[in-house]
Structures are given as structure tokens and as C-alpha cells.
Amino acid sequence: MVYIKNKLPAYILINYPVINLLIILVEPFLTIRFPSGSIDKTGILKVFFLSLVQGITEWFPISSTGHLVVVQELLKINVSVAFDVMLHLGTLVGVILFLREDLQSILKAALRLDFSEEGRMLIYLVLGTIPVGLVGFFLKGFFESMFESLFATGVAMLLNGLILFSTRLAKPRRRLNALDSFLIGVSQAAAITPGISRTGITVSTGLLLGIDNDEAYRFSLLLSIPSIIGGSLVKLQEVSFEQEYWMIALGVLVTAAVGYIALGRVKKYVVKQSFHKFAYYCLSVGAIILLLSILQIS
């Protein structure tokens, strides 16, 4: 995909249905058979495609879960829990590589018991992680039921677009504090909903609170790490890795590589105060998803 300056959200929107069409056309040829039998009916191209979707949409503020719900529904793809954990493992690898210097600084400060600057970030991360932990534990069943509803995903995507658009009013000018970290954590808990972007809502909350652009983005990414680890650990007990080793390796590699590239792209939009431009994409896709859900019901 060619990057077009200042037109990336529109370009993604244009190419999204094209990619879907290509997948549908080649679907009959996607099942790969090995000596031991069919490894997975999704095939190599579907594994690659879902990993690509995860890698891009996890960090662009357009909701990875919302896109995965739609893609799986339209293409009738049933992915295993192991595959889902694998996608998040790739996401985790990508963000750790992107934040490796920040993580190193925070870890060194924490080991020195220095909580004046970088070490204080560790405290903020604990405060920010509490809300998503509580919501995930007590409302897990409620949010899981939403993954089966295209209508709910469409509504959430529209809401996500409105939140992104509201960042036009943001006046970032100050540093992060303890209350900010907790409020951003509360917004992250809402991102369990398919259609609400974790990156989108946490960065938007930080910007609307008046936090400096760079710091709002940095904290959002740092906060994603314990959230991704926690969500993956919860699902590990349901995992069966039979005949899925090749998919895991491919998925982790693609998701991590694409995610790493996407992180740098998104940062440019945040720093240039152009974060709100992704709202147009979310509002458009949200409307399309709602239309699809209505047609599906009828």
C-alpha cells in the first residue's frame, strides 16, 4: 500500500473493501494441506491478512477488535483462541520494540527505587491498569457477547469517531499526573468494546485532559503493555496449540512488523495535532457496519 501524505485515513477506507474482495475471490484456493492433513481452513493468506489487519488497526485509532469482528463475520472465518492470543503476542512484540528505550529507562529507575521522573511512570501505569483489570474481571461475559453483534460494533465505531473528532478542541500543554493516569485507564477499560479503539480513546483522553502530545501517546502505548499481557494470560487457559505452530510464527512476525511501522506513523499524526483526521474513517466505516447489520437482520 502506498502512503499518501495527509490522506492516509481516506486511503485505508478506499482499499479496505478491495482487500476484502480479493480475499473472497481467492478463498477456494486458501486451504493448505500438509502430510498430516489440513492444518487450518483459514489458510496462509487468511492468516497473513488477519495479522495484517491486527498490526495496522491495533495502533491506528480505528479499533482492531472492531475490524476483526467485521472481517471474520464477512468472510465466515472462525479463528481459534490460540490464533487470537498469537495476534496479541505479535502486537506486544511490536510495541516493546518501539518503546525499548523508554522501558529500559523506567526499569532502571524502578530498580534504583527512584520514583522522581521515569520511576514515577511505573506508579502511573499501575493506576492506569486497575480499571481495565476490574472491568475485565467483573464484566467479561457482557463484553464478550458484544463481539457477536455487528450492530453494537457499528455504534461503537461511530462513537469512536466522535471521540477522535473531539480532539480538535484539545489544547495539550502539561505533564501527566496520577489522576490523569487513572482517568486514561478508565477510558482504556471502555476499549474492551469492539469498535472502540484502545489507542484512539486513551490518546484522545490524554489530549483532552491537556497532556502534551508526545506524553499522551507515550503513556497510551506503555499502558497497552500490561493490558495486552493480562488479556493474553486470561485466554491462555483455553489455548490448544495443536497443528498451529506455523500459523503462530507467521502471525507473530507479520503483526509485530506491521505494528512497529504503524506506531511510527500514528505518532506523526499525534505530534502534528492531526489525530482527529481518523474520525472521518471511523464514522464512514461505522455507518457501513450499521448498514450491513441492518441488511443482515432483514
C-alpha atoms as a PDB file:
ATOM      1  CA  MET A   1       0.000   0.000   0.000  1.00  0.00           C
ATOM      2  CA  VAL A   2       1.377   3.420  -0.957  1.00  0.00           C
ATOM      3  CA  TYR A   3       1.397   6.077   1.746  1.00  0.00           C
ATOM      4  CA  ILE A   4      -0.272   9.299   0.672  1.00  0.00           C
ATOM      5  CA  LYS A   5       0.631  12.274   2.834  1.00  0.00           C
ATOM      6  CA  ASN A   6      -2.288  13.650   4.877  1.00  0.00           C
ATOM      7  CA  LYS A   7      -4.713  11.244   3.140  1.00  0.00           C
ATOM      8  CA  LEU A   8      -3.964   8.001   4.931  1.00  0.00           C
ATOM      9  CA  PRO A   9      -7.393   7.555   6.631  1.00  0.00           C
ATOM     10  CA  ALA A  10      -9.204   8.007   3.290  1.00  0.00           C
ATOM     11  CA  TYR A  11      -6.738   5.731   1.521  1.00  0.00           C
ATOM     12  CA  ILE A  12      -7.300   2.944   4.057  1.00  0.00           C
ATOM     13  CA  LEU A  13     -11.059   3.334   3.591  1.00  0.00           C
ATOM     14  CA  ILE A  14     -10.730   3.049  -0.203  1.00  0.00           C
ATOM     15  CA  ASN A  15      -8.534  -0.051  -0.064  1.00  0.00           C
ATOM     16  CA  TYR A  16     -10.362  -1.882   2.729  1.00  0.00           C
ATOM     17  CA  PRO A  17     -13.236  -3.259   0.591  1.00  0.00           C
ATOM     18  CA  VAL A  18     -10.793  -4.000  -2.254  1.00  0.00           C
ATOM     19  CA  ILE A  19      -8.692  -6.219   0.012  1.00  0.00           C
ATOM     20  CA  ASN A  20     -11.858  -7.926   1.276  1.00  0.00           C
ATOM     21  CA  LEU A  21     -12.915  -8.624  -2.308  1.00  0.00           C
ATOM     22  CA  LEU A  22      -9.526 -10.122  -3.174  1.00  0.00           C
ATOM     23  CA  ILE A  23      -9.722 -12.444  -0.165  1.00  0.00           C
ATOM     24  CA  ILE A  24     -13.214 -13.610  -1.146  1.00  0.00           C
ATOM     25  CA  LEU A  25     -12.142 -14.275  -4.738  1.00  0.00           C
ATOM     26  CA  VAL A  26      -9.177 -16.437  -3.771  1.00  0.00           C
ATOM     27  CA  GLU A  27     -10.890 -18.139  -0.822  1.00  0.00           C
ATOM     28  CA  PRO A  28     -11.348 -21.501  -2.622  1.00  0.00           C
ATOM     29  CA  PHE A  29      -7.573 -21.759  -3.016  1.00  0.00           C
ATOM     30  CA  LEU A  30      -6.595 -20.903   0.553  1.00  0.00           C
ATOM     31  CA  THR A  31      -6.661 -24.271   2.304  1.00  0.00           C
ATOM     32  CA  ILE A  32      -3.117 -25.589   2.604  1.00  0.00           C
ATOM     33  CA  ARG A  33      -2.648 -29.312   3.145  1.00  0.00           C
ATOM     34  CA  PHE A  34       0.393 -30.919   4.719  1.00  0.00           C
ATOM     35  CA  PRO A  35       1.187 -34.603   5.150  1.00  0.00           C
ATOM     36  CA  SER A  36      -0.593 -34.663   8.482  1.00  0.00           C
ATOM     37  CA  GLY A  37      -3.754 -33.204   6.978  1.00  0.00           C
ATOM     38  CA  SER A  38      -5.296 -29.782   6.750  1.00  0.00           C
ATOM     39  CA  ILE A  39      -3.615 -27.502   9.262  1.00  0.00           C
ATOM     40  CA  ASP A  40      -6.281 -24.823   9.317  1.00  0.00           C
ATOM     41  CA  LYS A  41      -9.082 -23.921   6.973  1.00  0.00           C
ATOM     42  CA  THR A  42      -8.172 -20.227   7.032  1.00  0.00           C
ATOM     43  CA  GLY A  43      -5.015 -20.968   5.022  1.00  0.00           C
ATOM     44  CA  ILE A  44      -1.827 -18.957   4.748  1.00  0.00           C
ATOM     45  CA  LEU A  45      -3.403 -15.932   3.064  1.00  0.00           C
ATOM     46  CA  LYS A  46      -6.107 -15.594   5.700  1.00  0.00           C
ATOM     47  CA  VAL A  47      -3.516 -15.880   8.472  1.00  0.00           C
ATOM     48  CA  PHE A  48      -1.452 -13.187   6.780  1.00  0.00           C
ATOM     49  CA  PHE A  49      -4.491 -10.974   6.204  1.00  0.00           C
ATOM     50  CA  LEU A  50      -5.821 -11.171   9.768  1.00  0.00           C
ATOM     51  CA  SER A  51      -2.327 -10.490  11.120  1.00  0.00           C
ATOM     52  CA  LEU A  52      -2.050  -7.502   8.798  1.00  0.00           C
ATOM     53  CA  VAL A  53      -5.415  -6.175   9.979  1.00  0.00           C
ATOM     54  CA  GLN A  54      -4.374  -6.604  13.625  1.00  0.00           C
ATOM     55  CA  GLY A  55      -0.979  -4.984  13.112  1.00  0.00           C
ATOM     56  CA  ILE A  56      -2.451  -1.896  11.452  1.00  0.00           C
ATOM     57  CA  THR A  57      -5.690  -1.409  13.352  1.00  0.00           C
ATOM     58  CA  GLU A  58      -4.294  -2.062  16.848  1.00  0.00           C
ATOM     59  CA  TRP A  59      -2.234   1.127  16.710  1.00  0.00           C
ATOM     60  CA  PHE A  60      -4.127   3.259  14.249  1.00  0.00           C
ATOM     61  CA  PRO A  61      -7.082   4.652  16.246  1.00  0.00           C
ATOM     62  CA  ILE A  62      -9.660   2.684  14.269  1.00  0.00           C
ATOM     63  CA  SER A  63     -10.274  -0.350  16.547  1.00  0.00           C
ATOM     64  CA  SER A  64      -8.570  -3.675  15.885  1.00  0.00           C
ATOM     65  CA  THR A  65     -11.327  -5.706  17.562  1.00  0.00           C
ATOM     66  CA  GLY A  66     -13.999  -3.941  15.521  1.00  0.00           C
ATOM     67  CA  HIS A  67     -12.227  -4.713  12.258  1.00  0.00           C
ATOM     68  CA  LEU A  68     -11.515  -8.315  13.208  1.00  0.00           C
ATOM     69  CA  VAL A  69     -15.180  -8.844  14.136  1.00  0.00           C
ATOM     70  CA  VAL A  70     -16.280  -7.476  10.751  1.00  0.00           C
ATOM     71  CA  VAL A  71     -13.654  -9.377   8.731  1.00  0.00           C
ATOM     72  CA  GLN A  72     -14.434 -12.670  10.462  1.00  0.00           C
ATOM     73  CA  GLU A  73     -18.172 -12.126  10.006  1.00  0.00           C
ATOM     74  CA  LEU A  74     -17.958 -11.182   6.325  1.00  0.00           C
ATOM     75  CA  LEU A  75     -15.501 -13.936   5.410  1.00  0.00           C
ATOM     76  CA  LYS A  76     -17.006 -16.509   7.805  1.00  0.00           C
ATOM     77  CA  ILE A  77     -13.627 -17.113   9.438  1.00  0.00           C
ATOM     78  CA  ASN A  78     -13.650 -18.866  12.806  1.00  0.00           C
ATOM     79  CA  VAL A  79     -10.273 -18.350  14.442  1.00  0.00           C
ATOM     80  CA  SER A  80      -9.072 -20.345  17.437  1.00  0.00           C
ATOM     81  CA  VAL A  81      -8.222 -18.897  20.848  1.00  0.00           C
ATOM     82  CA  ALA A  82      -4.582 -19.762  20.143  1.00  0.00           C
ATOM     83  CA  PHE A  83      -4.707 -17.650  16.980  1.00  0.00           C
ATOM     84  CA  ASP A  84      -6.218 -14.727  18.888  1.00  0.00           C
ATOM     85  CA  VAL A  85      -3.515 -14.942  21.565  1.00  0.00           C
ATOM     86  CA  MET A  86      -0.922 -15.098  18.804  1.00  0.00           C
ATOM     87  CA  LEU A  87      -2.196 -11.850  17.268  1.00  0.00           C
ATOM     88  CA  HIS A  88      -1.843 -10.109  20.607  1.00  0.00           C
ATOM     89  CA  LEU A  89       1.593 -11.613  21.155  1.00  0.00           C
ATOM     90  CA  GLY A  90       2.703 -10.066  17.864  1.00  0.00           C
ATOM     91  CA  THR A  91       1.173  -6.761  18.944  1.00  0.00           C
ATOM     92  CA  LEU A  92       3.086  -6.966  22.219  1.00  0.00           C
ATOM     93  CA  VAL A  93       6.402  -7.679  20.474  1.00  0.00           C
ATOM     94  CA  GLY A  94       5.907  -4.683  18.183  1.00  0.00           C
ATOM     95  CA  VAL A  95       5.180  -2.168  20.950  1.00  0.00           C
ATOM     96  CA  ILE A  96       8.012  -3.444  23.180  1.00  0.00           C
ATOM     97  CA  LEU A  97      10.469  -2.973  20.328  1.00  0.00           C
ATOM     98  CA  PHE A  98       9.088   0.508  19.647  1.00  0.00           C
ATOM     99  CA  LEU A  99       9.321   1.518  23.326  1.00  0.00           C
ATOM    100  CA  ARG A 100      12.517  -0.375  24.164  1.00  0.00           C
ATOM    101  CA  GLU A 101      14.429   2.748  25.274  1.00  0.00           C
ATOM    102  CA  ASP A 102      11.535   4.035  27.397  1.00  0.00           C
ATOM    103  CA  LEU A 103      11.049   0.635  29.033  1.00  0.00           C
ATOM    104  CA  GLN A 104      14.754   0.392  29.772  1.00  0.00           C
ATOM    105  CA  SER A 105      14.757   3.823  31.441  1.00  0.00           C
ATOM    106  CA  ILE A 106      11.673   3.015  33.545  1.00  0.00           C
ATOM    107  CA  LEU A 107      13.081  -0.349  34.614  1.00  0.00           C
ATOM    108  CA  LYS A 108      16.437   1.164  35.630  1.00  0.00           C
ATOM    109  CA  ALA A 109      14.712   3.874  37.669  1.00  0.00           C
ATOM    110  CA  ALA A 110      12.453   1.326  39.376  1.00  0.00           C
ATOM    111  CA  LEU A 111      15.428  -0.878  40.292  1.00  0.00           C
ATOM    112  CA  ARG A 112      17.128   2.154  41.855  1.00  0.00           C
ATOM    113  CA  LEU A 113      13.851   2.914  43.684  1.00  0.00           C
ATOM    114  CA  ASP A 114      13.972   6.309  42.021  1.00  0.00           C
ATOM    115  CA  PHE A 115      10.366   7.474  41.594  1.00  0.00           C
ATOM    116  CA  SER A 116      11.100  11.097  40.752  1.00  0.00           C
ATOM    117  CA  GLU A 117      10.801  11.008  36.945  1.00  0.00           C
ATOM    118  CA  GLU A 118      10.890   7.781  34.917  1.00  0.00           C
ATOM    119  CA  GLY A 119      10.256   5.673  38.006  1.00  0.00           C
ATOM    120  CA  ARG A 120       7.062   7.601  38.650  1.00  0.00           C
ATOM    121  CA  MET A 121       5.757   6.332  35.322  1.00  0.00           C
ATOM    122  CA  LEU A 122       5.644   2.836  36.818  1.00  0.00           C
ATOM    123  CA  ILE A 123       3.237   4.080  39.501  1.00  0.00           C
ATOM    124  CA  TYR A 124       1.097   5.756  36.837  1.00  0.00           C
ATOM    125  CA  LEU A 125       0.967   2.509  34.873  1.00  0.00           C
ATOM    126  CA  VAL A 126      -0.284   0.614  37.922  1.00  0.00           C
ATOM    127  CA  LEU A 127      -3.001   3.236  38.489  1.00  0.00           C
ATOM    128  CA  GLY A 128      -3.966   3.165  34.823  1.00  0.00           C
ATOM    129  CA  THR A 129      -4.184  -0.628  34.685  1.00  0.00           C
ATOM    130  CA  ILE A 130      -6.555  -1.016  37.664  1.00  0.00           C
ATOM    131  CA  PRO A 131      -9.763  -0.002  35.777  1.00  0.00           C
ATOM    132  CA  VAL A 132      -9.309  -2.420  32.866  1.00  0.00           C
ATOM    133  CA  GLY A 133      -8.479  -5.210  35.299  1.00  0.00           C
ATOM    134  CA  LEU A 134     -11.680  -4.658  37.272  1.00  0.00           C
ATOM    135  CA  VAL A 135     -13.889  -4.263  34.198  1.00  0.00           C
ATOM    136  CA  GLY A 136     -12.375  -7.321  32.541  1.00  0.00           C
ATOM    137  CA  PHE A 137     -12.900  -9.432  35.650  1.00  0.00           C
ATOM    138  CA  PHE A 138     -16.462  -8.414  36.515  1.00  0.00           C
ATOM    139  CA  LEU A 139     -17.912  -7.686  33.053  1.00  0.00           C
ATOM    140  CA  LYS A 140     -16.079 -10.229  30.908  1.00  0.00           C
ATOM    141  CA  GLY A 141     -19.262 -12.023  29.800  1.00  0.00           C
ATOM    142  CA  PHE A 142     -21.040  -8.795  28.872  1.00  0.00           C
ATOM    143  CA  PHE A 143     -18.255  -7.559  26.604  1.00  0.00           C
ATOM    144  CA  GLU A 144     -17.725 -10.990  25.031  1.00  0.00           C
ATOM    145  CA  SER A 145     -21.385 -11.015  23.969  1.00  0.00           C
ATOM    146  CA  MET A 146     -20.829  -7.775  22.060  1.00  0.00           C
ATOM    147  CA  PHE A 147     -18.314  -9.494  19.781  1.00  0.00           C
ATOM    148  CA  GLU A 148     -21.233 -11.317  18.172  1.00  0.00           C
ATOM    149  CA  SER A 149     -23.119  -8.143  17.280  1.00  0.00           C
ATOM    150  CA  LEU A 150     -22.313  -6.197  14.108  1.00  0.00           C
ATOM    151  CA  PHE A 151     -24.820  -3.550  15.172  1.00  0.00           C
ATOM    152  CA  ALA A 152     -23.071  -2.930  18.500  1.00  0.00           C
ATOM    153  CA  THR A 153     -19.716  -2.779  16.716  1.00  0.00           C
ATOM    154  CA  GLY A 154     -21.069  -0.203  14.260  1.00  0.00           C
ATOM    155  CA  VAL A 155     -22.452   2.012  17.024  1.00  0.00           C
ATOM    156  CA  ALA A 156     -19.171   1.770  18.929  1.00  0.00           C
ATOM    157  CA  MET A 157     -17.203   2.662  15.786  1.00  0.00           C
ATOM    158  CA  LEU A 158     -19.327   5.788  15.317  1.00  0.00           C
ATOM    159  CA  LEU A 159     -18.734   6.738  18.951  1.00  0.00           C
ATOM    160  CA  ASN A 160     -15.025   6.160  18.443  1.00  0.00           C
ATOM    161  CA  GLY A 161     -15.121   8.566  15.511  1.00  0.00           C
ATOM    162  CA  LEU A 162     -16.822  11.254  17.577  1.00  0.00           C
ATOM    163  CA  ILE A 163     -14.231  10.873  20.332  1.00  0.00           C
ATOM    164  CA  LEU A 164     -11.410  11.247  17.818  1.00  0.00           C
ATOM    165  CA  PHE A 165     -13.056  14.285  16.245  1.00  0.00           C
ATOM    166  CA  SER A 166     -13.335  15.944  19.661  1.00  0.00           C
ATOM    167  CA  THR A 167      -9.531  16.121  19.901  1.00  0.00           C
ATOM    168  CA  ARG A 168      -9.724  19.159  17.619  1.00  0.00           C
ATOM    169  CA  LEU A 169     -10.660  21.024  20.795  1.00  0.00           C
ATOM    170  CA  ALA A 170      -7.654  19.712  22.739  1.00  0.00           C
ATOM    171  CA  LYS A 171      -5.008  22.125  23.998  1.00  0.00           C
ATOM    172  CA  PRO A 172      -2.111  19.903  25.100  1.00  0.00           C
ATOM    173  CA  ARG A 173       0.312  21.804  27.310  1.00  0.00           C
ATOM    174  CA  ARG A 174       1.200  19.936  30.532  1.00  0.00           C
ATOM    175  CA  ARG A 175       2.702  16.792  32.035  1.00  0.00           C
ATOM    176  CA  LEU A 176       0.891  13.654  33.126  1.00  0.00           C
ATOM    177  CA  ASN A 177      -0.125  13.221  36.788  1.00  0.00           C
ATOM    178  CA  ALA A 178      -1.623  10.435  38.909  1.00  0.00           C
ATOM    179  CA  LEU A 179      -5.269  11.447  38.352  1.00  0.00           C
ATOM    180  CA  ASP A 180      -4.691  11.675  34.614  1.00  0.00           C
ATOM    181  CA  SER A 181      -3.242   8.172  34.524  1.00  0.00           C
ATOM    182  CA  PHE A 182      -6.289   6.757  36.313  1.00  0.00           C
ATOM    183  CA  LEU A 183      -8.754   8.573  34.026  1.00  0.00           C
ATOM    184  CA  ILE A 184      -6.906   7.368  30.946  1.00  0.00           C
ATOM    185  CA  GLY A 185      -7.058   3.880  32.470  1.00  0.00           C
ATOM    186  CA  VAL A 186     -10.838   4.215  32.778  1.00  0.00           C
ATOM    187  CA  SER A 187     -11.048   5.128  29.102  1.00  0.00           C
ATOM    188  CA  GLN A 188      -8.895   2.094  28.247  1.00  0.00           C
ATOM    189  CA  ALA A 189     -11.411  -0.133  30.029  1.00  0.00           C
ATOM    190  CA  ALA A 190     -14.103   1.131  27.651  1.00  0.00           C
ATOM    191  CA  ALA A 191     -11.958  -0.053  24.728  1.00  0.00           C
ATOM    192  CA  ILE A 192     -12.803  -3.667  25.565  1.00  0.00           C
ATOM    193  CA  THR A 193     -15.887  -2.897  23.472  1.00  0.00           C
ATOM    194  CA  PRO A 194     -15.374  -3.947  19.825  1.00  0.00           C
ATOM    195  CA  GLY A 195     -15.389  -0.775  17.746  1.00  0.00           C
ATOM    196  CA  ILE A 196     -13.737   1.396  20.390  1.00  0.00           C
ATOM    197  CA  SER A 197     -10.042   1.840  19.677  1.00  0.00           C
ATOM    198  CA  ARG A 198      -7.759   1.433  22.686  1.00  0.00           C
ATOM    199  CA  THR A 199      -5.165   3.734  21.166  1.00  0.00           C
ATOM    200  CA  GLY A 200      -7.810   6.156  19.984  1.00  0.00           C
ATOM    201  CA  ILE A 201      -9.675   6.570  23.247  1.00  0.00           C
ATOM    202  CA  THR A 202      -6.609   6.646  25.525  1.00  0.00           C
ATOM    203  CA  VAL A 203      -4.687   9.166  23.414  1.00  0.00           C
ATOM    204  CA  SER A 204      -7.845  11.258  22.953  1.00  0.00           C
ATOM    205  CA  THR A 205      -8.496  11.264  26.706  1.00  0.00           C
ATOM    206  CA  GLY A 206      -4.924  12.362  27.362  1.00  0.00           C
ATOM    207  CA  LEU A 207      -5.107  15.158  24.799  1.00  0.00           C
ATOM    208  CA  LEU A 208      -8.499  16.383  26.074  1.00  0.00           C
ATOM    209  CA  LEU A 209      -7.093  16.437  29.612  1.00  0.00           C
ATOM    210  CA  GLY A 210      -4.439  18.822  28.318  1.00  0.00           C
ATOM    211  CA  ILE A 211      -1.489  16.448  28.388  1.00  0.00           C
ATOM    212  CA  ASP A 212       1.388  17.109  25.998  1.00  0.00           C
ATOM    213  CA  ASN A 213       1.038  15.264  22.662  1.00  0.00           C
ATOM    214  CA  ASP A 214       4.197  13.180  22.985  1.00  0.00           C
ATOM    215  CA  GLU A 215       3.488  12.219  26.579  1.00  0.00           C
ATOM    216  CA  ALA A 216      -0.142  11.317  25.873  1.00  0.00           C
ATOM    217  CA  TYR A 217       0.945   8.979  23.071  1.00  0.00           C
ATOM    218  CA  ARG A 218       3.828   7.517  25.053  1.00  0.00           C
ATOM    219  CA  PHE A 219       1.650   6.765  28.077  1.00  0.00           C
ATOM    220  CA  SER A 220      -1.049   5.227  25.902  1.00  0.00           C
ATOM    221  CA  LEU A 221       1.465   2.784  24.419  1.00  0.00           C
ATOM    222  CA  LEU A 222       3.071   1.978  27.766  1.00  0.00           C
ATOM    223  CA  LEU A 223      -0.376   1.356  29.255  1.00  0.00           C
ATOM    224  CA  SER A 224      -1.162  -1.102  26.469  1.00  0.00           C
ATOM    225  CA  ILE A 225       1.602  -3.488  27.565  1.00  0.00           C
ATOM    226  CA  PRO A 226       0.119  -4.708  30.888  1.00  0.00           C
ATOM    227  CA  SER A 227      -3.327  -4.739  29.284  1.00  0.00           C
ATOM    228  CA  ILE A 228      -2.206  -6.969  26.397  1.00  0.00           C
ATOM    229  CA  ILE A 229      -0.259  -9.262  28.732  1.00  0.00           C
ATOM    230  CA  GLY A 230      -3.213  -9.574  31.116  1.00  0.00           C
ATOM    231  CA  GLY A 231      -5.718 -10.271  28.345  1.00  0.00           C
ATOM    232  CA  SER A 232      -3.465 -12.918  26.807  1.00  0.00           C
ATOM    233  CA  LEU A 233      -2.854 -14.665  30.132  1.00  0.00           C
ATOM    234  CA  VAL A 234      -6.601 -14.914  30.739  1.00  0.00           C
ATOM    235  CA  LYS A 235      -7.041 -16.677  27.384  1.00  0.00           C
ATOM    236  CA  LEU A 236      -4.037 -18.984  27.726  1.00  0.00           C
ATOM    237  CA  GLN A 237      -6.031 -21.485  29.763  1.00  0.00           C
ATOM    238  CA  GLU A 238      -8.310 -22.010  26.742  1.00  0.00           C
ATOM    239  CA  VAL A 239      -5.470 -22.457  24.249  1.00  0.00           C
ATOM    240  CA  SER A 240      -4.778 -25.601  22.266  1.00  0.00           C
ATOM    241  CA  PHE A 241      -1.735 -25.289  20.030  1.00  0.00           C
ATOM    242  CA  GLU A 242      -2.311 -28.478  18.026  1.00  0.00           C
ATOM    243  CA  GLN A 243      -1.168 -28.069  14.410  1.00  0.00           C
ATOM    244  CA  GLU A 244      -0.909 -24.282  14.736  1.00  0.00           C
ATOM    245  CA  TYR A 245       2.829 -23.688  15.182  1.00  0.00           C
ATOM    246  CA  TRP A 246       3.350 -22.405  11.642  1.00  0.00           C
ATOM    247  CA  MET A 247       0.384 -20.025  11.974  1.00  0.00           C
ATOM    248  CA  ILE A 248       1.675 -18.682  15.279  1.00  0.00           C
ATOM    249  CA  ALA A 249       5.121 -17.971  13.828  1.00  0.00           C
ATOM    250  CA  LEU A 250       3.705 -16.266  10.719  1.00  0.00           C
ATOM    251  CA  GLY A 251       1.098 -14.299  12.653  1.00  0.00           C
ATOM    252  CA  VAL A 252       3.503 -13.025  15.299  1.00  0.00           C
ATOM    253  CA  LEU A 253       6.034 -11.968  12.665  1.00  0.00           C
ATOM    254  CA  VAL A 254       3.532 -10.128  10.456  1.00  0.00           C
ATOM    255  CA  THR A 255       1.655  -8.475  13.342  1.00  0.00           C
ATOM    256  CA  ALA A 256       4.864  -7.335  15.063  1.00  0.00           C
ATOM    257  CA  ALA A 257       6.457  -5.952  11.877  1.00  0.00           C
ATOM    258  CA  VAL A 258       3.345  -4.144  10.637  1.00  0.00           C
ATOM    259  CA  GLY A 259       2.548  -2.886  14.131  1.00  0.00           C
ATOM    260  CA  TYR A 260       6.040  -1.450  14.571  1.00  0.00           C
ATOM    261  CA  ILE A 261       5.702   0.516  11.328  1.00  0.00           C
ATOM    262  CA  ALA A 262       2.185   1.677  12.230  1.00  0.00           C
ATOM    263  CA  LEU A 263       3.331   3.002  15.607  1.00  0.00           C
ATOM    264  CA  GLY A 264       5.704   5.448  13.938  1.00  0.00           C
ATOM    265  CA  ARG A 265       3.028   6.602  11.502  1.00  0.00           C
ATOM    266  CA  VAL A 266       0.446   7.243  14.199  1.00  0.00           C
ATOM    267  CA  LYS A 267       2.948   9.201  16.296  1.00  0.00           C
ATOM    268  CA  LYS A 268       3.361  11.698  13.456  1.00  0.00           C
ATOM    269  CA  TYR A 269      -0.375  12.356  13.438  1.00  0.00           C
ATOM    270  CA  VAL A 270      -0.439  12.864  17.216  1.00  0.00           C
ATOM    271  CA  VAL A 271       2.567  15.195  17.246  1.00  0.00           C
ATOM    272  CA  LYS A 272       1.184  17.240  14.341  1.00  0.00           C
ATOM    273  CA  GLN A 273      -2.173  17.500  16.149  1.00  0.00           C
ATOM    274  CA  SER A 274      -3.884  15.710  13.247  1.00  0.00           C
ATOM    275  CA  PHE A 275      -5.272  12.849  15.321  1.00  0.00           C
ATOM    276  CA  HIS A 276      -8.842  13.943  14.624  1.00  0.00           C
ATOM    277  CA  LYS A 277      -8.469  13.097  10.908  1.00  0.00           C
ATOM    278  CA  PHE A 278      -9.005   9.409  11.669  1.00  0.00           C
ATOM    279  CA  ALA A 279     -12.527  10.321  12.795  1.00  0.00           C
ATOM    280  CA  TYR A 280     -13.704  10.518   9.180  1.00  0.00           C
ATOM    281  CA  TYR A 281     -12.631   6.943   8.551  1.00  0.00           C
ATOM    282  CA  CYS A 282     -14.291   5.639  11.724  1.00  0.00           C
ATOM    283  CA  LEU A 283     -17.536   7.476  11.058  1.00  0.00           C
ATOM    284  CA  SER A 284     -17.639   6.141   7.492  1.00  0.00           C
ATOM    285  CA  VAL A 285     -16.852   2.553   8.466  1.00  0.00           C
ATOM    286  CA  GLY A 286     -19.245   2.733  11.425  1.00  0.00           C
ATOM    287  CA  ALA A 287     -22.067   3.755   9.106  1.00  0.00           C
ATOM    288  CA  ILE A 288     -21.196   0.914   6.688  1.00  0.00           C
ATOM    289  CA  ILE A 289     -21.160  -1.633   9.518  1.00  0.00           C
ATOM    290  CA  LEU A 290     -24.554  -0.428  10.742  1.00  0.00           C
ATOM    291  CA  LEU A 291     -25.930  -0.777   7.227  1.00  0.00           C
ATOM    292  CA  LEU A 292     -24.515  -4.289   6.920  1.00  0.00           C
ATOM    293  CA  SER A 293     -26.029  -5.276  10.265  1.00  0.00           C
ATOM    294  CA  ILE A 294     -29.448  -3.981   9.211  1.00  0.00           C
ATOM    295  CA  LEU A 295     -29.273  -5.843   5.896  1.00  0.00           C
ATOM    296  CA  GLN A 296     -28.161  -8.979   7.712  1.00  0.00           C
ATOM    297  CA  ILE A 297     -31.148  -8.803  10.060  1.00  0.00           C
ATOM    298  CA  SER A 298     -33.590  -8.217   7.213  1.00  0.00           C
END
